[in-house]
C-alpha atoms as a PDB file:
ATOM      1  CA  UNK A   1     -72.977  27.265 -16.555  1.00  0.00           C
ATOM      2  CA  UNK A   2     -75.866  29.233 -17.396  1.00  0.00           C
ATOM      3  CA  UNK A   3     -73.881  31.220 -19.678  1.00  0.00           C
ATOM      4  CA  UNK A   4     -73.349  27.683 -21.357  1.00  0.00           C
ATOM      5  CA  UNK A   5     -69.407  27.593 -20.628  1.00  0.00           C
ATOM      6  CA  UNK A   6     -67.803  25.488 -23.608  1.00  0.00           C
ATOM      7  CA  UNK A   7     -66.503  22.438 -21.718  1.00  0.00           C
ATOM      8  CA  UNK A   8     -66.446  18.564 -22.792  1.00  0.00           C
ATOM      9  CA  UNK A   9     -66.650  15.765 -19.788  1.00  0.00           C
ATOM     10  CA  UNK A  10     -68.522  15.234 -17.119  1.00  0.00           C
ATOM     11  CA  UNK A  11     -70.474  17.526 -14.238  1.00  0.00           C
ATOM     12  CA  UNK A  12     -70.938  16.945 -10.846  1.00  0.00           C
ATOM     13  CA  UNK A  13     -74.426  18.265 -10.083  1.00  0.00           C
ATOM     14  CA  UNK A  14     -74.487  19.415  -6.227  1.00  0.00           C
ATOM     15  CA  UNK A  15     -77.786  19.946  -4.477  1.00  0.00           C
ATOM     16  CA  UNK A  16     -77.427  21.554  -1.052  1.00  0.00           C
ATOM     17  CA  UNK A  17     -80.042  21.907   1.638  1.00  0.00           C
ATOM     18  CA  UNK A  18     -80.918  23.387   5.185  1.00  0.00           C
ATOM     19  CA  UNK A  19     -83.021  20.774   6.638  1.00  0.00           C
ATOM     20  CA  UNK A  20     -86.044  22.619   8.980  1.00  0.00           C
ATOM     21  CA  UNK A  21     -85.873  22.194  13.270  1.00  0.00           C
ATOM     22  CA  UNK A  22     -86.737  18.940  13.700  1.00  0.00           C
ATOM     23  CA  UNK A  23     -86.613  17.352  10.149  1.00  0.00           C
ATOM     24  CA  UNK A  24     -82.735  16.136   9.812  1.00  0.00           C
ATOM     25  CA  UNK A  25     -83.518  12.505  10.075  1.00  0.00           C
ATOM     26  CA  UNK A  26     -86.174  12.663   7.464  1.00  0.00           C
ATOM     27  CA  UNK A  27     -84.145  14.324   5.399  1.00  0.00           C
ATOM     28  CA  UNK A  28     -81.486  11.642   5.580  1.00  0.00           C
ATOM     29  CA  UNK A  29     -84.332   9.436   4.598  1.00  0.00           C
ATOM     30  CA  UNK A  30     -85.866  11.013   2.148  1.00  0.00           C
ATOM     31  CA  UNK A  31     -82.230  11.467   0.657  1.00  0.00           C
ATOM     32  CA  UNK A  32     -80.998   7.561   0.507  1.00  0.00           C
ATOM     33  CA  UNK A  33     -85.088   6.169  -1.044  1.00  0.00           C
ATOM     34  CA  UNK A  34     -86.289   9.233  -3.069  1.00  0.00           C
ATOM     35  CA  UNK A  35     -83.511  10.973  -4.559  1.00  0.00           C
ATOM     36  CA  UNK A  36     -81.541   8.090  -5.155  1.00  0.00           C
ATOM     37  CA  UNK A  37     -84.774   6.962  -7.615  1.00  0.00           C
ATOM     38  CA  UNK A  38     -84.432  10.415  -9.468  1.00  0.00           C
ATOM     39  CA  UNK A  39     -80.905   9.783 -10.703  1.00  0.00           C
ATOM     40  CA  UNK A  40     -80.797   5.908 -10.398  1.00  0.00           C
ATOM     41  CA  UNK A  41     -80.383   4.312 -14.014  1.00  0.00           C
ATOM     42  CA  UNK A  42     -80.765   7.411 -15.704  1.00  0.00           C
ATOM     43  CA  UNK A  43     -79.288   7.856 -18.891  1.00  0.00           C
ATOM     44  CA  UNK A  44     -75.846   9.720 -18.294  1.00  0.00           C
ATOM     45  CA  UNK A  45     -75.875   9.041 -14.570  1.00  0.00           C
ATOM     46  CA  UNK A  46     -72.223   7.756 -13.235  1.00  0.00           C
ATOM     47  CA  UNK A  47     -73.430   7.806  -9.471  1.00  0.00           C
ATOM     48  CA  UNK A  48     -74.193   9.255  -6.512  1.00  0.00           C
ATOM     49  CA  UNK A  49     -73.328  10.483  -2.878  1.00  0.00           C
ATOM     50  CA  UNK A  50     -74.486  12.090  -0.024  1.00  0.00           C
ATOM     51  CA  UNK A  51     -73.686  13.615   3.615  1.00  0.00           C
ATOM     52  CA  UNK A  52     -74.040  16.251   5.730  1.00  0.00           C
ATOM     53  CA  UNK A  53     -72.244  19.224   7.274  1.00  0.00           C
ATOM     54  CA  UNK A  54     -69.710  18.280   9.979  1.00  0.00           C
ATOM     55  CA  UNK A  55     -70.695  21.036  12.197  1.00  0.00           C
ATOM     56  CA  UNK A  56     -73.560  20.809  15.039  1.00  0.00           C
ATOM     57  CA  UNK A  57     -74.243  23.819  14.558  1.00  0.00           C
ATOM     58  CA  UNK A  58     -76.828  24.015  11.359  1.00  0.00           C
ATOM     59  CA  UNK A  59     -78.263  20.595   9.475  1.00  0.00           C
ATOM     60  CA  UNK A  60     -77.256  20.931   5.812  1.00  0.00           C
ATOM     61  CA  UNK A  61     -77.020  18.062   3.682  1.00  0.00           C
ATOM     62  CA  UNK A  62     -75.478  17.822   0.323  1.00  0.00           C
ATOM     63  CA  UNK A  63     -76.685  15.375  -2.452  1.00  0.00           C
ATOM     64  CA  UNK A  64     -74.071  14.892  -5.437  1.00  0.00           C
ATOM     65  CA  UNK A  65     -74.840  12.818  -8.652  1.00  0.00           C
ATOM     66  CA  UNK A  66     -72.558  12.330 -11.146  1.00  0.00           C
ATOM     67  CA  UNK A  67     -73.646  12.799 -14.868  1.00  0.00           C
ATOM     68  CA  UNK A  68     -71.259  11.530 -18.439  1.00  0.00           C
ATOM     69  CA  UNK A  69     -72.131  15.131 -19.486  1.00  0.00           C
ATOM     70  CA  UNK A  70     -74.418  18.364 -19.460  1.00  0.00           C
ATOM     71  CA  UNK A  71     -76.877  17.094 -21.907  1.00  0.00           C
ATOM     72  CA  UNK A  72     -77.660  14.030 -19.471  1.00  0.00           C
ATOM     73  CA  UNK A  73     -78.073  16.793 -16.802  1.00  0.00           C
ATOM     74  CA  UNK A  74     -80.313  18.247 -19.341  1.00  0.00           C
ATOM     75  CA  UNK A  75     -81.862  15.251 -20.330  1.00  0.00           C
ATOM     76  CA  UNK A  76     -83.443  13.876 -17.187  1.00  0.00           C
ATOM     77  CA  UNK A  77     -83.974  17.382 -15.441  1.00  0.00           C
ATOM     78  CA  UNK A  78     -85.566  19.231 -18.611  1.00  0.00           C
ATOM     79  CA  UNK A  79     -85.341  23.083 -19.138  1.00  0.00           C
ATOM     80  CA  UNK A  80     -85.548  23.591 -15.361  1.00  0.00           C
ATOM     81  CA  UNK A  81     -81.922  21.419 -14.957  1.00  0.00           C
ATOM     82  CA  UNK A  82     -80.278  24.744 -13.486  1.00  0.00           C
ATOM     83  CA  UNK A  83     -83.139  24.921 -10.600  1.00  0.00           C
ATOM     84  CA  UNK A  84     -83.468  22.569  -7.518  1.00  0.00           C
ATOM     85  CA  UNK A  85     -85.555  19.370  -8.204  1.00  0.00           C
ATOM     86  CA  UNK A  86     -87.790  18.811  -5.329  1.00  0.00           C
ATOM     87  CA  UNK A  87     -89.701  15.743  -5.033  1.00  0.00           C
ATOM     88  CA  UNK A  88     -93.000  15.546  -3.468  1.00  0.00           C
ATOM     89  CA  UNK A  89     -92.692  15.347   0.886  1.00  0.00           C
ATOM     90  CA  UNK A  90     -89.400  17.322   0.329  1.00  0.00           C
ATOM     91  CA  UNK A  91     -90.634  21.453   0.688  1.00  0.00           C
ATOM     92  CA  UNK A  92     -91.741  20.051   4.275  1.00  0.00           C
ATOM     93  CA  UNK A  93     -88.295  19.652   5.410  1.00  0.00           C
ATOM     94  CA  UNK A  94     -86.077  21.707   4.078  1.00  0.00           C
ATOM     95  CA  UNK A  95     -85.813  25.596   4.489  1.00  0.00           C
ATOM     96  CA  UNK A  96     -83.350  26.677   1.941  1.00  0.00           C
ATOM     97  CA  UNK A  97     -81.538  24.847  -0.763  1.00  0.00           C
ATOM     98  CA  UNK A  98     -79.596  25.256  -4.075  1.00  0.00           C
ATOM     99  CA  UNK A  99     -78.615  23.234  -7.282  1.00  0.00           C
ATOM    100  CA  UNK A 100     -74.727  23.527  -8.501  1.00  0.00           C
ATOM    101  CA  UNK A 101     -73.499  22.487 -11.511  1.00  0.00           C
ATOM    102  CA  UNK A 102     -69.502  21.445 -11.486  1.00  0.00           C
ATOM    103  CA  UNK A 103     -67.191  20.674 -14.820  1.00  0.00           C
ATOM    104  CA  UNK A 104     -64.897  17.271 -13.477  1.00  0.00           C
ATOM    105  CA  UNK A 105     -61.682  17.274 -14.520  1.00  0.00           C
ATOM    106  CA  UNK A 106     -59.840  14.454 -15.566  1.00  0.00           C
ATOM    107  CA  UNK A 107     -58.586  12.746 -12.680  1.00  0.00           C
ATOM    108  CA  UNK A 108     -60.982  11.938  -9.968  1.00  0.00           C
ATOM    109  CA  UNK A 109     -60.986   9.062  -8.309  1.00  0.00           C
ATOM    110  CA  UNK A 110     -63.739   7.825  -5.296  1.00  0.00           C
ATOM    111  CA  UNK A 111     -62.547   5.559  -2.835  1.00  0.00           C
ATOM    112  CA  UNK A 112     -64.348   4.150   0.614  1.00  0.00           C
ATOM    113  CA  UNK A 113     -62.803   1.363   3.449  1.00  0.00           C
ATOM    114  CA  UNK A 114     -62.969  -2.151   1.638  1.00  0.00           C
ATOM    115  CA  UNK A 115     -62.457  -0.496  -1.500  1.00  0.00           C
ATOM    116  CA  UNK A 116     -62.821  -2.340  -4.321  1.00  0.00           C
ATOM    117  CA  UNK A 117     -61.225  -0.800  -7.652  1.00  0.00           C
ATOM    118  CA  UNK A 118     -63.134  -0.654 -11.341  1.00  0.00           C
ATOM    119  CA  UNK A 119     -62.262   1.272 -13.902  1.00  0.00           C
ATOM    120  CA  UNK A 120     -65.134   2.726 -15.797  1.00  0.00           C
ATOM    121  CA  UNK A 121     -66.360   1.266 -18.870  1.00  0.00           C
ATOM    122  CA  UNK A 122     -64.974  -2.072 -17.834  1.00  0.00           C
ATOM    123  CA  UNK A 123     -67.685  -5.147 -17.314  1.00  0.00           C
ATOM    124  CA  UNK A 124     -67.403  -5.477 -13.105  1.00  0.00           C
ATOM    125  CA  UNK A 125     -66.640  -9.216 -12.360  1.00  0.00           C
ATOM    126  CA  UNK A 126     -69.131  -8.219  -8.955  1.00  0.00           C
ATOM    127  CA  UNK A 127     -72.481  -7.447 -10.851  1.00  0.00           C
ATOM    128  CA  UNK A 128     -71.675  -7.781 -14.081  1.00  0.00           C
ATOM    129  CA  UNK A 129     -72.658  -4.404 -15.014  1.00  0.00           C
ATOM    130  CA  UNK A 130     -70.864  -2.039 -17.632  1.00  0.00           C
ATOM    131  CA  UNK A 131     -70.237   1.323 -16.388  1.00  0.00           C
ATOM    132  CA  UNK A 132     -70.416   4.595 -18.789  1.00  0.00           C
ATOM    133  CA  UNK A 133     -66.611   6.048 -18.692  1.00  0.00           C
ATOM    134  CA  UNK A 134     -65.572   9.279 -19.145  1.00  0.00           C
ATOM    135  CA  UNK A 135     -62.922  10.051 -20.896  1.00  0.00           C
ATOM    136  CA  UNK A 136     -58.856   8.631 -20.312  1.00  0.00           C
ATOM    137  CA  UNK A 137     -59.304   5.300 -18.525  1.00  0.00           C
ATOM    138  CA  UNK A 138     -60.885   7.443 -15.022  1.00  0.00           C
ATOM    139  CA  UNK A 139     -60.829   4.646 -12.141  1.00  0.00           C
ATOM    140  CA  UNK A 140     -64.133   4.825  -9.367  1.00  0.00           C
ATOM    141  CA  UNK A 141     -63.334   2.544  -6.399  1.00  0.00           C
ATOM    142  CA  UNK A 142     -66.605   1.248  -5.292  1.00  0.00           C
ATOM    143  CA  UNK A 143     -66.994  -0.342  -1.906  1.00  0.00           C
ATOM    144  CA  UNK A 144     -69.401  -0.412   1.228  1.00  0.00           C
ATOM    145  CA  UNK A 145     -70.984   2.940   1.163  1.00  0.00           C
ATOM    146  CA  UNK A 146     -70.785   3.519  -2.570  1.00  0.00           C
ATOM    147  CA  UNK A 147     -73.158   3.263  -5.474  1.00  0.00           C
ATOM    148  CA  UNK A 148     -73.561   4.718  -8.609  1.00  0.00           C
ATOM    149  CA  UNK A 149     -76.716   4.868 -10.874  1.00  0.00           C
END
């Protein structure tokens, strides 16, 4: 996207990191706290999730955030939006990392066990919160383990 490829819509920001040996648990805790705080309640943030590679060979993790548009990403991360943002304490835990951005297409949704459907842009009965809405009434299913900013 550094070539300012023309598109209109939501952006998936994917941070990938390889934990240093013995640091996987600490990095997981950082993702659940500090990384969440980096995106939660930021203008244009539509949610986030994280996980680790299933393979036993290495400790590779992803932290993914969803943004209303590229301008929201640039507003949150500034001129360095194309670079990995490492809060204090991360460099001691990470061997290598990268950041990538993807244009989301209009037909996306998240599902988890015990999911409750929630259409973006409508009021949630459970929380009384209005979410930002991408065009076309995209549905986001929220349940245990699925969060949004």
